[in-house]
Amino acid sequence: MTKNFEIMEVGLRDGLQIIKKRYSIDYKLSIIESLIESGIRNIQVTSFVNPKRVPSMADAEELVKLLPIVKGVQFSGLVFNQIGVERAIRAGLTKIETSISISETYSYNNLGMSFSRVD
């Protein structure tokens, strides 16, 4: 039986969102270019979250608009609510992802709201 799998690179989004320092879009694009050159084909580049809570992702729309068009490479963004979905679509992303937890504590710490309030 053949088993297929895909690797989704999330280091750019997940790594930079927890660092207090804000990196330039040029720096982020250079990381993306290096990932593409290394053969990665699925890259989660940013998250569309409240920029006051996660300042390092405040440039999400601008970053997406500057992404290179590379055959066989798909970019995505992380969203947690309808506003994030709308921002991602307006920016031009064709793939969005979300994360759902059944833990109230995790949901509150990660989203700023309890699971029952996640829309």
Protein backbone atom coordinates (compact mmCIF):
# COMPACT_ATOMS: atom_id res chain seq x y z
CA MET A 1 0.00 0.00 0.00
CA THR A 2 1.31 3.43 -0.94
CA LYS A 3 1.12 6.02 1.79
CA ASN A 4 1.36 9.69 0.92
CA PHE A 5 1.96 12.57 3.24
CA GLU A 6 2.71 16.25 3.00
CA ILE A 7 4.95 18.33 5.20
CA MET A 8 3.57 21.72 6.23
CA GLU A 9 6.30 24.13 7.29
CA VAL A 10 5.02 26.32 10.14
CA GLY A 11 8.31 27.57 11.58
CA LEU A 12 8.05 31.03 10.06
CA ARG A 13 4.63 31.67 11.56
CA ASP A 14 4.95 29.67 14.76
CA GLY A 15 8.52 30.67 15.49
CA LEU A 16 8.25 34.39 14.88
CA GLN A 17 4.91 34.93 16.60
CA ILE A 18 6.34 34.21 20.04
CA ILE A 19 9.40 36.42 19.67
CA LYS A 20 9.00 39.95 20.96
CA LYS A 21 11.24 41.41 18.26
CA ARG A 22 9.46 42.35 15.05
CA TYR A 23 11.21 41.21 11.91
CA SER A 24 10.96 43.06 8.61
CA ILE A 25 8.93 41.74 5.73
CA ASP A 26 12.15 41.50 3.72
CA TYR A 27 13.59 39.20 6.37
CA LYS A 28 10.44 37.05 6.35
CA LEU A 29 10.51 36.87 2.55
CA SER A 30 14.16 35.78 2.66
CA ILE A 31 13.19 32.92 4.98
CA ILE A 32 10.36 31.96 2.63
CA GLU A 33 12.74 31.98 -0.34
CA SER A 34 15.18 29.74 1.56
CA LEU A 35 12.39 27.32 2.45
CA ILE A 36 11.34 27.12 -1.20
CA GLU A 37 14.94 26.59 -2.30
CA SER A 38 15.22 23.74 0.20
CA GLY A 39 12.29 21.96 -1.46
CA ILE A 40 9.48 22.80 0.95
CA ARG A 41 6.20 23.10 -0.98
CA ASN A 42 3.64 23.90 1.76
CA ILE A 43 4.45 26.91 3.92
CA GLN A 44 2.27 28.51 6.59
CA VAL A 45 3.57 32.05 6.33
CA THR A 46 1.58 34.03 8.89
CA SER A 47 -1.44 34.18 11.14
CA PHE A 48 -4.31 36.60 10.87
CA VAL A 49 -4.72 37.40 14.53
CA ASN A 50 -5.26 40.53 16.57
CA PRO A 51 -2.10 42.63 15.99
CA LYS A 52 -2.34 44.02 19.53
CA ARG A 53 -2.04 40.49 20.94
CA VAL A 54 0.55 39.29 18.43
CA PRO A 55 2.45 42.31 17.06
CA SER A 56 4.83 40.16 15.01
CA MET A 57 1.90 39.15 12.78
CA ALA A 58 0.62 42.72 12.24
CA ASP A 59 2.04 42.72 8.71
CA ALA A 60 0.16 39.58 7.60
CA GLU A 61 -1.70 41.18 4.69
CA GLU A 62 1.34 42.98 3.36
CA LEU A 63 3.48 39.84 3.57
CA VAL A 64 0.92 37.76 1.69
CA LYS A 65 0.64 40.34 -1.07
CA LEU A 66 4.42 40.15 -1.60
CA LEU A 67 4.69 36.35 -1.73
CA PRO A 68 6.39 35.02 -4.84
CA ILE A 69 4.40 32.95 -7.29
CA VAL A 70 6.18 29.61 -7.52
CA LYS A 71 4.74 26.64 -9.38
CA GLY A 72 4.04 23.80 -6.97
CA VAL A 73 4.36 25.91 -3.82
CA GLN A 74 1.32 26.63 -1.69
CA PHE A 75 1.20 29.27 1.02
CA SER A 76 -1.30 29.32 3.87
CA GLY A 77 -2.20 31.37 6.91
CA LEU A 78 -3.56 30.49 10.33
CA VAL A 79 -6.92 31.95 11.38
CA PHE A 80 -9.01 31.62 14.52
CA ASN A 81 -12.20 33.51 13.69
CA GLN A 82 -14.28 35.03 10.91
CA ILE A 83 -12.31 38.28 10.94
CA GLY A 84 -9.11 36.33 10.35
CA VAL A 85 -10.73 34.42 7.48
CA GLU A 86 -11.88 37.65 5.86
CA ARG A 87 -8.44 39.25 6.23
CA ALA A 88 -6.73 36.20 4.71
CA ILE A 89 -9.09 36.13 1.73
CA ARG A 90 -8.71 39.87 1.12
CA ALA A 91 -4.93 39.47 1.22
CA GLY A 92 -5.16 36.85 -1.51
CA LEU A 93 -4.52 33.56 0.27
CA THR A 94 -6.21 30.53 -1.25
CA LYS A 95 -5.51 28.23 1.70
CA ILE A 96 -6.31 28.93 5.33
CA GLU A 97 -5.95 26.74 8.39
CA THR A 98 -7.19 26.82 11.93
CA SER A 99 -6.44 25.12 15.21
CA ILE A 100 -9.10 23.90 17.58
CA SER A 101 -8.58 22.67 21.11
CA ILE A 102 -11.05 21.02 23.43
CA SER A 103 -9.15 22.39 26.41
CA GLU A 104 -10.74 25.50 27.92
CA THR A 105 -7.39 26.56 29.41
CA TYR A 106 -5.54 26.22 26.10
CA SER A 107 -8.30 28.03 24.23
CA TYR A 108 -8.27 30.89 26.70
CA ASN A 109 -4.47 31.18 26.71
CA ASN A 110 -4.16 30.88 22.93
CA LEU A 111 -7.27 32.72 21.75
CA GLY A 112 -8.10 34.97 24.67
CA MET A 113 -11.52 33.37 25.04
CA SER A 114 -13.07 30.16 26.26
CA PHE A 115 -13.85 27.37 23.81
CA SER A 116 -17.58 28.06 24.10
CA ARG A 117 -17.01 31.62 22.76
CA VAL A 118 -14.89 30.64 19.74
CA ASP A 119 -16.81 31.56 16.60
